[in-house]
Amino acid sequence: MSLHEPDAFAAFVAGLPGTSLVEQWGSRVAKVGGKVFALVGLGGGNMAFKVSELSFAGLTELEGIGQAPYFAKGQWVSVAAGALGEAELADYLRQAHGLIAAKLPRKLRAELGL
Protein backbone atom coordinates (compact mmCIF):
# COMPACT_ATOMS: atom_id res chain seq x y z
CA MET A 1 0.00 0.00 0.00
CA SER A 2 1.40 3.39 -1.00
CA LEU A 3 1.90 6.25 1.45
CA HIS A 4 0.07 8.37 -1.12
CA GLU A 5 -3.12 6.55 -0.13
CA PRO A 6 -4.87 8.34 2.76
CA ASP A 7 -5.22 5.22 4.94
CA ALA A 8 -1.57 4.18 4.54
CA PHE A 9 -0.48 7.79 5.14
CA ALA A 10 -2.62 7.97 8.29
CA ALA A 11 -1.31 4.65 9.61
CA PHE A 12 2.30 5.72 9.08
CA VAL A 13 2.13 9.22 10.58
CA ALA A 14 0.02 8.01 13.52
CA GLY A 15 3.15 6.14 14.63
CA LEU A 16 5.13 9.38 14.97
CA PRO A 17 5.14 10.84 18.51
CA GLY A 18 2.59 13.55 19.33
CA THR A 19 0.88 13.31 15.94
CA SER A 20 -2.81 14.00 15.39
CA LEU A 21 -4.80 13.55 12.19
CA VAL A 22 -7.64 15.72 10.95
CA GLU A 23 -9.57 16.07 7.73
CA GLN A 24 -9.50 19.59 6.33
CA TRP A 25 -8.97 21.25 2.95
CA GLY A 26 -10.17 18.02 1.28
CA SER A 27 -7.12 16.26 2.71
CA ARG A 28 -5.95 14.03 5.50
CA VAL A 29 -3.73 16.38 7.48
CA ALA A 30 -0.99 15.31 9.93
CA LYS A 31 -0.15 17.69 12.76
CA VAL A 32 2.27 17.72 15.65
CA GLY A 33 1.46 20.07 18.49
CA GLY A 34 -1.37 21.50 16.37
CA LYS A 35 1.01 22.45 13.52
CA VAL A 36 0.73 20.86 10.07
CA PHE A 37 3.72 18.85 8.87
CA ALA A 38 2.21 16.79 6.02
CA LEU A 39 -0.99 16.14 4.11
CA VAL A 40 -2.43 13.99 1.36
CA GLY A 41 -5.66 14.37 -0.58
CA LEU A 42 -8.60 12.26 0.57
CA GLY A 43 -8.66 10.69 -2.88
CA GLY A 44 -4.91 10.01 -2.81
CA GLY A 45 -2.69 11.75 -5.34
CA ASN A 46 -0.12 14.36 -4.41
CA MET A 47 1.33 14.55 -0.94
CA ALA A 48 2.69 17.76 0.57
CA PHE A 49 5.15 18.04 3.43
CA LYS A 50 7.70 20.36 5.03
CA VAL A 51 11.37 19.93 4.09
CA SER A 52 14.67 21.61 4.94
CA GLU A 53 15.94 24.43 2.76
CA LEU A 54 18.59 22.16 1.24
CA SER A 55 16.08 19.37 0.51
CA PHE A 56 13.66 21.89 -0.99
CA ALA A 57 16.28 23.07 -3.48
CA GLY A 58 17.14 19.53 -4.55
CA LEU A 59 13.69 17.96 -4.54
CA THR A 60 12.03 20.69 -6.61
CA GLU A 61 14.48 19.87 -9.42
CA LEU A 62 13.08 16.33 -9.70
CA GLU A 63 10.27 15.27 -12.01
CA GLY A 64 6.93 14.98 -10.22
CA ILE A 65 7.98 17.23 -7.32
CA GLY A 66 7.32 20.94 -7.05
CA GLN A 67 6.54 23.70 -4.62
CA ALA A 68 3.39 22.95 -2.67
CA PRO A 69 0.62 25.46 -3.43
CA TYR A 70 -0.01 27.84 -0.51
CA PHE A 71 2.98 26.45 1.42
CA ALA A 72 5.97 27.12 -0.86
CA LYS A 73 7.40 30.09 1.07
CA GLY A 74 7.98 27.77 4.00
CA GLN A 75 9.87 25.07 2.05
CA TRP A 76 6.97 22.72 1.39
CA VAL A 77 6.97 20.31 -1.53
CA SER A 78 4.18 18.59 -3.42
CA VAL A 79 5.13 15.06 -4.44
CA ALA A 80 3.27 13.09 -7.11
CA ALA A 81 2.76 9.36 -6.60
CA GLY A 82 5.81 7.49 -7.87
CA ALA A 83 8.17 10.50 -7.77
CA LEU A 84 9.93 9.09 -4.68
CA GLY A 85 10.24 5.56 -3.36
CA GLU A 86 8.25 4.52 -0.30
CA ALA A 87 11.34 4.42 1.94
CA GLU A 88 12.34 7.93 0.84
CA LEU A 89 8.81 9.20 1.44
CA ALA A 90 8.81 7.69 4.92
CA ASP A 91 12.15 9.36 5.69
CA TYR A 92 10.90 12.74 4.46
CA LEU A 93 7.72 12.41 6.54
CA ARG A 94 9.82 11.69 9.64
CA GLN A 95 11.99 14.72 8.83
CA ALA A 96 8.91 16.91 8.28
CA HIS A 97 7.59 15.85 11.68
CA GLY A 98 10.96 16.66 13.28
CA LEU A 99 11.26 20.06 11.59
CA ILE A 100 7.85 21.18 12.84
CA ALA A 101 8.24 19.58 16.28
CA ALA A 102 11.56 21.38 16.79
CA LYS A 103 9.80 24.74 16.51
CA LEU A 104 7.24 23.95 19.20
CA PRO A 105 7.67 25.47 22.67
CA ARG A 106 9.81 23.36 25.00
CA LYS A 107 6.90 22.76 27.41
CA LEU A 108 4.62 21.47 24.62
CA ARG A 109 7.39 19.23 23.27
CA ALA A 110 7.77 17.74 26.76
CA GLU A 111 4.00 17.21 27.08
CA LEU A 112 3.98 15.42 23.71
CA GLY A 113 6.98 13.26 24.62
CA LEU A 114 9.19 14.82 21.97
C-alpha atoms as a PDB file:
ATOM      1  CA  MET A   1       0.000   0.000   0.000  1.00  0.00           C
ATOM      2  CA  SER A   2       1.401   3.387  -0.997  1.00  0.00           C
ATOM      3  CA  LEU A   3       1.902   6.255   1.452  1.00  0.00           C
ATOM      4  CA  HIS A   4       0.069   8.372  -1.124  1.00  0.00           C
ATOM      5  CA  GLU A   5      -3.123   6.547  -0.132  1.00  0.00           C
ATOM      6  CA  PRO A   6      -4.871   8.340   2.755  1.00  0.00           C
ATOM      7  CA  ASP A   7      -5.225   5.221   4.939  1.00  0.00           C
ATOM      8  CA  ALA A   8      -1.571   4.183   4.540  1.00  0.00           C
ATOM      9  CA  PHE A   9      -0.481   7.790   5.139  1.00  0.00           C
ATOM     10  CA  ALA A  10      -2.622   7.973   8.292  1.00  0.00           C
ATOM     11  CA  ALA A  11      -1.314   4.654   9.608  1.00  0.00           C
ATOM     12  CA  PHE A  12       2.300   5.720   9.085  1.00  0.00           C
ATOM     13  CA  VAL A  13       2.127   9.224  10.577  1.00  0.00           C
ATOM     14  CA  ALA A  14       0.020   8.010  13.518  1.00  0.00           C
ATOM     15  CA  GLY A  15       3.145   6.145  14.631  1.00  0.00           C
ATOM     16  CA  LEU A  16       5.128   9.382  14.973  1.00  0.00           C
ATOM     17  CA  PRO A  17       5.138  10.842  18.510  1.00  0.00           C
ATOM     18  CA  GLY A  18       2.589  13.546  19.332  1.00  0.00           C
ATOM     19  CA  THR A  19       0.876  13.307  15.940  1.00  0.00           C
ATOM     20  CA  SER A  20      -2.805  14.001  15.391  1.00  0.00           C
ATOM     21  CA  LEU A  21      -4.801  13.554  12.188  1.00  0.00           C
ATOM     22  CA  VAL A  22      -7.636  15.720  10.948  1.00  0.00           C
ATOM     23  CA  GLU A  23      -9.567  16.067   7.731  1.00  0.00           C
ATOM     24  CA  GLN A  24      -9.496  19.587   6.332  1.00  0.00           C
ATOM     25  CA  TRP A  25      -8.969  21.247   2.954  1.00  0.00           C
ATOM     26  CA  GLY A  26     -10.168  18.021   1.285  1.00  0.00           C
ATOM     27  CA  SER A  27      -7.115  16.264   2.710  1.00  0.00           C
ATOM     28  CA  ARG A  28      -5.954  14.031   5.499  1.00  0.00           C
ATOM     29  CA  VAL A  29      -3.725  16.376   7.484  1.00  0.00           C
ATOM     30  CA  ALA A  30      -0.990  15.309   9.925  1.00  0.00           C
ATOM     31  CA  LYS A  31      -0.147  17.688  12.758  1.00  0.00           C
ATOM     32  CA  VAL A  32       2.272  17.716  15.648  1.00  0.00           C
ATOM     33  CA  GLY A  33       1.459  20.072  18.493  1.00  0.00           C
ATOM     34  CA  GLY A  34      -1.365  21.502  16.368  1.00  0.00           C
ATOM     35  CA  LYS A  35       1.008  22.455  13.524  1.00  0.00           C
ATOM     36  CA  VAL A  36       0.728  20.862  10.073  1.00  0.00           C
ATOM     37  CA  PHE A  37       3.722  18.853   8.869  1.00  0.00           C
ATOM     38  CA  ALA A  38       2.213  16.794   6.015  1.00  0.00           C
ATOM     39  CA  LEU A  39      -0.989  16.141   4.112  1.00  0.00           C
ATOM     40  CA  VAL A  40      -2.429  13.985   1.359  1.00  0.00           C
ATOM     41  CA  GLY A  41      -5.659  14.370  -0.578  1.00  0.00           C
ATOM     42  CA  LEU A  42      -8.604  12.255   0.572  1.00  0.00           C
ATOM     43  CA  GLY A  43      -8.661  10.690  -2.882  1.00  0.00           C
ATOM     44  CA  GLY A  44      -4.914  10.008  -2.810  1.00  0.00           C
ATOM     45  CA  GLY A  45      -2.693  11.754  -5.338  1.00  0.00           C
ATOM     46  CA  ASN A  46      -0.124  14.357  -4.412  1.00  0.00           C
ATOM     47  CA  MET A  47       1.326  14.549  -0.937  1.00  0.00           C
ATOM     48  CA  ALA A  48       2.692  17.762   0.568  1.00  0.00           C
ATOM     49  CA  PHE A  49       5.146  18.041   3.431  1.00  0.00           C
ATOM     50  CA  LYS A  50       7.697  20.360   5.033  1.00  0.00           C
ATOM     51  CA  VAL A  51      11.372  19.930   4.093  1.00  0.00           C
ATOM     52  CA  SER A  52      14.666  21.606   4.942  1.00  0.00           C
ATOM     53  CA  GLU A  53      15.944  24.434   2.757  1.00  0.00           C
ATOM     54  CA  LEU A  54      18.585  22.158   1.239  1.00  0.00           C
ATOM     55  CA  SER A  55      16.076  19.366   0.510  1.00  0.00           C
ATOM     56  CA  PHE A  56      13.660  21.895  -0.991  1.00  0.00           C
ATOM     57  CA  ALA A  57      16.285  23.070  -3.485  1.00  0.00           C
ATOM     58  CA  GLY A  58      17.143  19.532  -4.554  1.00  0.00           C
ATOM     59  CA  LEU A  59      13.690  17.964  -4.542  1.00  0.00           C
ATOM     60  CA  THR A  60      12.028  20.690  -6.608  1.00  0.00           C
ATOM     61  CA  GLU A  61      14.475  19.872  -9.418  1.00  0.00           C
ATOM     62  CA  LEU A  62      13.078  16.332  -9.703  1.00  0.00           C
ATOM     63  CA  GLU A  63      10.268  15.269 -12.006  1.00  0.00           C
ATOM     64  CA  GLY A  64       6.926  14.982 -10.215  1.00  0.00           C
ATOM     65  CA  ILE A  65       7.982  17.227  -7.319  1.00  0.00           C
ATOM     66  CA  GLY A  66       7.320  20.942  -7.048  1.00  0.00           C
ATOM     67  CA  GLN A  67       6.541  23.704  -4.624  1.00  0.00           C
ATOM     68  CA  ALA A  68       3.390  22.955  -2.674  1.00  0.00           C
ATOM     69  CA  PRO A  69       0.619  25.456  -3.427  1.00  0.00           C
ATOM     70  CA  TYR A  70      -0.014  27.839  -0.515  1.00  0.00           C
ATOM     71  CA  PHE A  71       2.983  26.448   1.420  1.00  0.00           C
ATOM     72  CA  ALA A  72       5.973  27.123  -0.863  1.00  0.00           C
ATOM     73  CA  LYS A  73       7.400  30.086   1.065  1.00  0.00           C
ATOM     74  CA  GLY A  74       7.975  27.769   4.005  1.00  0.00           C
ATOM     75  CA  GLN A  75       9.873  25.067   2.045  1.00  0.00           C
ATOM     76  CA  TRP A  76       6.966  22.721   1.391  1.00  0.00           C
ATOM     77  CA  VAL A  77       6.974  20.312  -1.531  1.00  0.00           C
ATOM     78  CA  SER A  78       4.183  18.594  -3.422  1.00  0.00           C
ATOM     79  CA  VAL A  79       5.131  15.061  -4.442  1.00  0.00           C
ATOM     80  CA  ALA A  80       3.269  13.085  -7.107  1.00  0.00           C
ATOM     81  CA  ALA A  81       2.762   9.360  -6.601  1.00  0.00           C
ATOM     82  CA  GLY A  82       5.810   7.494  -7.875  1.00  0.00           C
ATOM     83  CA  ALA A  83       8.169  10.503  -7.772  1.00  0.00           C
ATOM     84  CA  LEU A  84       9.930   9.086  -4.684  1.00  0.00           C
ATOM     85  CA  GLY A  85      10.245   5.563  -3.359  1.00  0.00           C
ATOM     86  CA  GLU A  86       8.246   4.524  -0.297  1.00  0.00           C
ATOM     87  CA  ALA A  87      11.339   4.416   1.939  1.00  0.00           C
ATOM     88  CA  GLU A  88      12.339   7.932   0.843  1.00  0.00           C
ATOM     89  CA  LEU A  89       8.811   9.203   1.442  1.00  0.00           C
ATOM     90  CA  ALA A  90       8.806   7.690   4.916  1.00  0.00           C
ATOM     91  CA  ASP A  91      12.154   9.361   5.686  1.00  0.00           C
ATOM     92  CA  TYR A  92      10.904  12.741   4.459  1.00  0.00           C
ATOM     93  CA  LEU A  93       7.716  12.412   6.538  1.00  0.00           C
ATOM     94  CA  ARG A  94       9.818  11.689   9.641  1.00  0.00           C
ATOM     95  CA  GLN A  95      11.987  14.719   8.834  1.00  0.00           C
ATOM     96  CA  ALA A  96       8.910  16.915   8.285  1.00  0.00           C
ATOM     97  CA  HIS A  97       7.586  15.846  11.684  1.00  0.00           C
ATOM     98  CA  GLY A  98      10.955  16.657  13.284  1.00  0.00           C
ATOM     99  CA  LEU A  99      11.258  20.059  11.590  1.00  0.00           C
ATOM    100  CA  ILE A 100       7.849  21.177  12.844  1.00  0.00           C
ATOM    101  CA  ALA A 101       8.236  19.581  16.285  1.00  0.00           C
ATOM    102  CA  ALA A 102      11.564  21.375  16.792  1.00  0.00           C
ATOM    103  CA  LYS A 103       9.799  24.738  16.506  1.00  0.00           C
ATOM    104  CA  LEU A 104       7.240  23.948  19.205  1.00  0.00           C
ATOM    105  CA  PRO A 105       7.672  25.474  22.673  1.00  0.00           C
ATOM    106  CA  ARG A 106       9.806  23.356  25.002  1.00  0.00           C
ATOM    107  CA  LYS A 107       6.899  22.760  27.405  1.00  0.00           C
ATOM    108  CA  LEU A 108       4.625  21.472  24.623  1.00  0.00           C
ATOM    109  CA  ARG A 109       7.388  19.228  23.267  1.00  0.00           C
ATOM    110  CA  ALA A 110       7.770  17.744  26.756  1.00  0.00           C
ATOM    111  CA  GLU A 111       4.004  17.207  27.080  1.00  0.00           C
ATOM    112  CA  LEU A 112       3.985  15.415  23.705  1.00  0.00           C
ATOM    113  CA  GLY A 113       6.982  13.261  24.623  1.00  0.00           C
ATOM    114  CA  LEU A 114       9.193  14.823  21.975  1.00  0.00           C
END
